[in-house]
Amino acid sequence: MTLLEVNHVSKQFGNETKALSDVNFSVSEGEFVSIIGPSGAGKSTLLRCINRMIDASNGEIIFDNMNVMNLKKKELKMVRTKIGMIFQHYNLVNRLSVIENTLHGNLGKKSTIAGALGLYSQEEKEQAVKILSTLGLDEHIYKRADQLSGGQKQRVGIARALIQNPRMMLCDEPIASLDPNSAKVIMDHLRNISTTMGITVLVNLHQVDVALKYSDRVIGINHGQVVFNGTPKDITKDDIQRIYGSEAEDLIFDIGGIHAS
């Protein structure tokens, strides 16, 4: 079943910069899709258009049979409760505890007053503890967020998204700020979430080898356009050249190694 359709989506900033140009693809329920491309290719802009953190200039974005671009404020708020978002720089509230940051994932379902007062049910708190335990954060539940390592902070970011019970998770360069070991932990968790919970995962990555290892499908973007859309085993050196241009030489060897293994 198709959960997300992106049809002829473009995004222009001002008169000059065209960040996205006629982008088309669809994503199935439970699919793990990586979007790869050089810095400035339009990956982050694309993710932010999908949940309308920014508005696309043209096209349509269909999520769960609704055109996100046509939704009024209240409808959009409800759709966003089904779409978890994970950020490169975590976007946690440093002075709050791990469990408080996790519970913030439910703010979209609260009234303004309940959200401002931090009024959460016992059931919500128990769900938060369970999710944090699954992500290996049992010992850190009551620590302040600013006491955590980068990898731990990103796991809190995942917990905050999961507590929404989302249909889809958008992950914007979730491992860009992490060391290789922490990055592997994060990617393992995201893959597991997709496989065991059936949640659709759409993740922006700069690391080609990581995308090839974890994804059901890879979408390559360059200069705001989709230049590759296929499975990891289908990607060739020519495709990498088309996606990364002058940066490709540093990546070709990795592709050969992945295909060989």
Protein backbone atom coordinates (compact mmCIF):
# COMPACT_ATOMS: atom_id res chain seq x y z
CA MET A 1 0.00 0.00 0.00
CA THR A 2 1.32 3.43 -0.96
CA LEU A 3 1.59 5.77 2.04
CA LEU A 4 3.33 8.77 0.45
CA GLU A 5 3.23 10.20 -3.06
CA VAL A 6 5.35 13.16 -4.14
CA ASN A 7 4.11 14.45 -7.49
CA HIS A 8 5.84 17.19 -9.53
CA VAL A 9 7.06 18.98 -6.40
CA SER A 10 9.20 22.07 -6.82
CA LYS A 11 10.45 24.60 -4.28
CA GLN A 12 11.82 28.02 -5.12
CA PHE A 13 13.39 30.40 -2.58
CA GLY A 14 13.10 33.98 -3.83
CA ASN A 15 13.78 34.70 -7.50
CA GLU A 16 17.07 32.82 -7.81
CA THR A 17 17.33 29.55 -5.92
CA LYS A 18 15.35 26.53 -7.11
CA ALA A 19 15.89 24.00 -4.31
CA LEU A 20 13.62 21.30 -5.80
CA SER A 21 12.60 20.81 -9.42
CA ASP A 22 9.76 18.45 -10.50
CA VAL A 23 10.44 15.77 -7.87
CA ASN A 24 8.40 12.55 -8.23
CA PHE A 25 8.43 9.36 -6.16
CA SER A 26 6.21 7.23 -3.94
CA VAL A 27 6.87 5.31 -0.72
CA SER A 28 5.04 2.18 0.45
CA GLU A 29 3.81 1.39 3.95
CA GLY A 30 6.70 0.02 6.05
CA GLU A 31 9.38 0.79 3.45
CA PHE A 32 12.84 2.04 4.44
CA VAL A 33 13.98 4.64 1.90
CA SER A 34 17.23 6.61 1.95
CA ILE A 35 17.62 9.90 0.11
CA ILE A 36 21.25 10.53 -0.83
CA GLY A 37 23.04 13.39 -2.52
CA PRO A 38 25.70 16.06 -1.99
CA SER A 39 25.30 18.93 0.45
CA GLY A 40 22.89 21.51 -0.96
CA ALA A 41 21.17 18.97 -3.25
CA GLY A 42 17.75 19.68 -1.68
CA LYS A 43 17.42 16.67 0.65
CA SER A 44 16.46 18.65 3.77
CA THR A 45 14.15 20.93 1.80
CA LEU A 46 12.34 17.87 0.46
CA LEU A 47 11.77 16.37 3.92
CA ARG A 48 10.51 19.69 5.26
CA CYS A 49 8.09 20.04 2.35
CA ILE A 50 6.61 16.61 3.10
CA ASN A 51 5.39 17.62 6.58
CA ARG A 52 5.02 21.28 5.54
CA MET A 53 7.60 22.75 7.84
CA ILE A 54 8.09 24.71 4.63
CA ASP A 55 5.60 25.02 1.76
CA ALA A 56 6.44 23.62 -1.65
CA SER A 57 5.98 26.04 -4.56
CA ASN A 58 4.30 23.54 -6.91
CA GLY A 59 3.06 19.97 -7.10
CA GLU A 60 1.23 17.78 -4.63
CA ILE A 61 2.23 15.70 -1.62
CA ILE A 62 -0.23 12.92 -0.80
CA PHE A 63 0.19 11.33 2.64
CA ASP A 64 -2.31 8.72 3.78
CA ASN A 65 -4.67 9.76 0.93
CA MET A 66 -4.61 13.45 1.91
CA ASN A 67 -2.98 16.27 -0.06
CA VAL A 68 -0.81 17.81 2.65
CA MET A 69 -0.40 21.02 0.67
CA ASN A 70 -4.14 21.78 0.83
CA LEU A 71 -4.65 21.18 4.56
CA LYS A 72 -5.81 23.92 6.92
CA LYS A 73 -3.91 24.53 10.15
CA LYS A 74 -5.98 22.17 12.33
CA GLU A 75 -5.94 19.36 9.74
CA LEU A 76 -2.20 19.78 9.25
CA LYS A 77 -1.63 19.51 13.00
CA MET A 78 -3.47 16.17 13.00
CA VAL A 79 -1.49 14.83 10.02
CA ARG A 80 1.77 15.80 11.71
CA THR A 81 0.88 13.59 14.67
CA LYS A 82 1.25 10.67 12.22
CA ILE A 83 4.65 11.87 10.97
CA GLY A 84 7.60 11.74 13.38
CA MET A 85 10.60 13.98 12.68
CA ILE A 86 14.22 13.38 13.69
CA PHE A 87 16.77 16.16 13.29
CA GLN A 88 20.53 16.24 12.76
CA HIS A 89 21.06 18.42 15.84
CA TYR A 90 18.47 16.59 17.97
CA ASN A 91 16.27 19.65 18.81
CA LEU A 92 15.97 18.61 22.47
CA VAL A 93 15.23 20.94 25.37
CA ASN A 94 18.53 20.71 27.28
CA ARG A 95 17.20 21.66 30.74
CA LEU A 96 14.47 18.98 30.60
CA SER A 97 14.90 15.31 31.42
CA VAL A 98 15.05 12.50 28.88
CA ILE A 99 11.49 11.39 29.67
CA GLU A 100 10.16 14.96 29.47
CA ASN A 101 11.77 15.42 26.05
CA THR A 102 10.24 12.12 24.94
CA LEU A 103 6.76 13.14 26.11
CA HIS A 104 7.09 16.34 24.07
CA GLY A 105 6.39 14.13 21.05
CA ASN A 106 2.74 14.14 22.14
CA LEU A 107 2.41 17.95 22.26
CA GLY A 108 0.65 17.94 18.89
CA LYS A 109 -2.21 15.94 20.45
CA LYS A 110 -2.59 18.25 23.46
CA SER A 111 -4.47 21.45 24.07
CA THR A 112 -2.24 24.52 24.40
CA ILE A 113 -2.82 24.65 28.17
CA ALA A 114 -2.13 20.94 28.76
CA GLY A 115 1.04 21.23 26.67
CA ALA A 116 2.25 24.34 28.46
CA LEU A 117 1.68 22.73 31.87
CA GLY A 118 3.24 19.43 30.84
CA LEU A 119 0.12 17.44 31.72
CA TYR A 120 0.68 13.84 30.67
CA SER A 121 -1.27 10.75 31.66
CA GLN A 122 0.19 7.79 33.52
CA GLU A 123 -0.31 5.74 30.36
CA GLU A 124 1.76 8.22 28.34
CA LYS A 125 4.54 8.14 30.95
CA GLU A 126 4.58 4.34 30.96
CA GLN A 127 4.73 4.31 27.15
CA ALA A 128 7.67 6.73 27.25
CA VAL A 129 9.56 4.52 29.72
CA LYS A 130 8.91 1.45 27.56
CA ILE A 131 10.17 3.16 24.39
CA LEU A 132 13.28 4.53 26.15
CA SER A 133 14.01 1.06 27.51
CA THR A 134 13.75 -0.42 23.99
CA LEU A 135 16.30 2.17 22.83
CA GLY A 136 18.71 1.26 25.66
CA LEU A 137 18.18 4.44 27.68
CA ASP A 138 16.85 2.89 30.93
CA GLU A 139 19.60 4.40 33.05
CA HIS A 140 19.20 7.88 31.61
CA ILE A 141 15.43 8.46 31.91
CA TYR A 142 15.69 11.21 34.54
CA LYS A 143 18.95 12.79 33.35
CA ARG A 144 18.90 16.23 31.81
CA ALA A 145 19.30 16.14 28.05
CA ASP A 146 22.50 18.20 28.18
CA GLN A 147 24.19 15.40 30.18
CA LEU A 148 23.93 12.96 27.28
CA SER A 149 26.30 12.05 24.45
CA GLY A 150 25.33 12.81 20.85
CA GLY A 151 24.25 9.24 20.18
CA GLN A 152 22.12 9.18 23.33
CA LYS A 153 20.51 12.49 22.38
CA GLN A 154 19.59 11.12 18.97
CA ARG A 155 18.00 8.07 20.59
CA VAL A 156 15.88 10.47 22.68
CA GLY A 157 14.94 12.15 19.39
CA ILE A 158 13.81 8.76 18.08
CA ALA A 159 11.84 8.11 21.28
CA ARG A 160 10.13 11.50 20.95
CA ALA A 161 9.04 10.55 17.41
CA LEU A 162 7.95 7.02 18.37
CA ILE A 163 5.67 8.11 21.22
CA GLN A 164 3.43 9.72 18.59
CA ASN A 165 2.70 6.22 17.21
CA PRO A 166 3.57 7.57 13.74
CA ARG A 167 2.83 5.98 10.38
CA MET A 168 6.04 7.51 8.98
CA MET A 169 9.30 8.91 10.32
CA LEU A 170 11.29 11.61 8.51
CA CYS A 171 14.96 11.58 9.54
CA ASP A 172 17.05 14.57 8.44
CA GLU A 173 20.75 13.57 8.44
CA PRO A 174 20.30 11.70 11.77
CA ILE A 175 23.91 10.44 11.90
CA ALA A 176 25.79 13.41 10.40
CA SER A 177 27.01 14.62 13.82
CA LEU A 178 27.87 11.18 15.23
CA ASP A 179 30.93 8.96 15.42
CA PRO A 180 30.78 5.65 13.46
CA ASN A 181 29.79 3.49 16.45
CA SER A 182 26.96 5.81 17.51
CA ALA A 183 25.86 6.12 13.88
CA LYS A 184 25.56 2.33 13.60
CA VAL A 185 23.44 2.17 16.76
CA ILE A 186 21.07 4.83 15.38
CA MET A 187 20.76 3.17 11.96
CA ASP A 188 20.19 -0.25 13.56
CA HIS A 189 17.36 1.21 15.65
CA LEU A 190 15.76 2.93 12.64
CA ARG A 191 15.96 -0.25 10.54
CA ASN A 192 14.48 -2.25 13.43
CA ILE A 193 11.62 0.25 13.80
CA SER A 194 10.78 -0.17 10.13
CA THR A 195 11.06 -3.96 10.16
CA THR A 196 9.35 -4.83 13.45
CA MET A 197 6.84 -1.98 13.82
CA GLY A 198 5.97 -1.49 10.15
CA ILE A 199 6.70 2.23 10.33
CA THR A 200 7.75 3.84 7.06
CA VAL A 201 11.19 5.46 7.38
CA LEU A 202 12.45 8.17 5.03
CA VAL A 203 16.02 9.16 5.89
CA ASN A 204 18.42 11.73 4.41
CA LEU A 205 21.99 10.47 4.35
CA HIS A 206 25.29 11.72 3.01
CA GLN A 207 26.96 8.32 3.53
CA VAL A 208 26.39 6.14 0.47
CA ASP A 209 27.64 2.92 2.08
CA VAL A 210 25.18 3.35 4.97
CA ALA A 211 22.28 3.95 2.57
CA LEU A 212 23.15 0.82 0.60
CA LYS A 213 23.43 -1.32 3.72
CA TYR A 214 20.16 -0.37 5.41
CA SER A 215 17.67 0.63 2.71
CA ASP A 216 14.97 -1.14 0.77
CA ARG A 217 15.29 1.64 -1.79
CA VAL A 218 17.58 4.58 -2.51
CA ILE A 219 16.60 7.91 -4.08
CA GLY A 220 19.49 10.01 -5.41
CA ILE A 221 19.08 13.77 -5.68
CA ASN A 222 21.33 16.34 -7.35
CA HIS A 223 20.51 20.02 -7.92
CA GLY A 224 17.00 19.46 -6.62
CA GLN A 225 16.17 16.70 -9.11
CA VAL A 226 15.75 12.94 -8.68
CA VAL A 227 18.50 11.30 -10.73
CA PHE A 228 18.24 7.76 -9.29
CA ASN A 229 15.39 5.74 -7.79
CA GLY A 230 16.03 2.05 -7.26
CA THR A 231 17.22 -0.71 -4.95
CA PRO A 232 20.73 -0.72 -3.45
CA LYS A 233 21.77 -3.65 -5.64
CA ASP A 234 20.80 -1.70 -8.77
CA ILE A 235 23.00 1.33 -8.10
CA THR A 236 26.09 1.62 -10.32
CA LYS A 237 29.23 3.75 -10.43
CA ASP A 238 27.59 5.80 -13.16
CA ASP A 239 24.60 6.45 -10.91
CA ILE A 240 26.92 7.62 -8.11
CA GLN A 241 28.66 9.90 -10.61
CA ARG A 242 25.30 11.35 -11.63
CA ILE A 243 24.23 11.88 -8.00
CA TYR A 244 27.48 13.26 -6.58
CA GLY A 245 29.26 14.81 -9.54
CA SER A 246 32.81 15.84 -8.61
CA GLU A 247 32.49 14.26 -5.15
CA ALA A 248 31.84 10.82 -6.67
CA GLU A 249 35.49 9.72 -6.99
CA ASP A 250 35.80 9.40 -3.22
CA LEU A 251 32.69 7.19 -3.09
CA ILE A 252 33.13 4.78 -6.01
CA PHE A 253 35.44 2.43 -4.12
CA ASP A 254 32.88 2.06 -1.34
CA ILE A 255 30.25 1.00 -3.88
CA GLY A 256 32.51 -1.69 -5.26
CA GLY A 257 33.19 -2.96 -1.77
CA ILE A 258 29.50 -3.10 -0.89
CA HIS A 259 28.54 -4.95 -4.08
CA ALA A 260 31.44 -7.36 -3.65
CA SER A 261 30.27 -8.24 -0.16
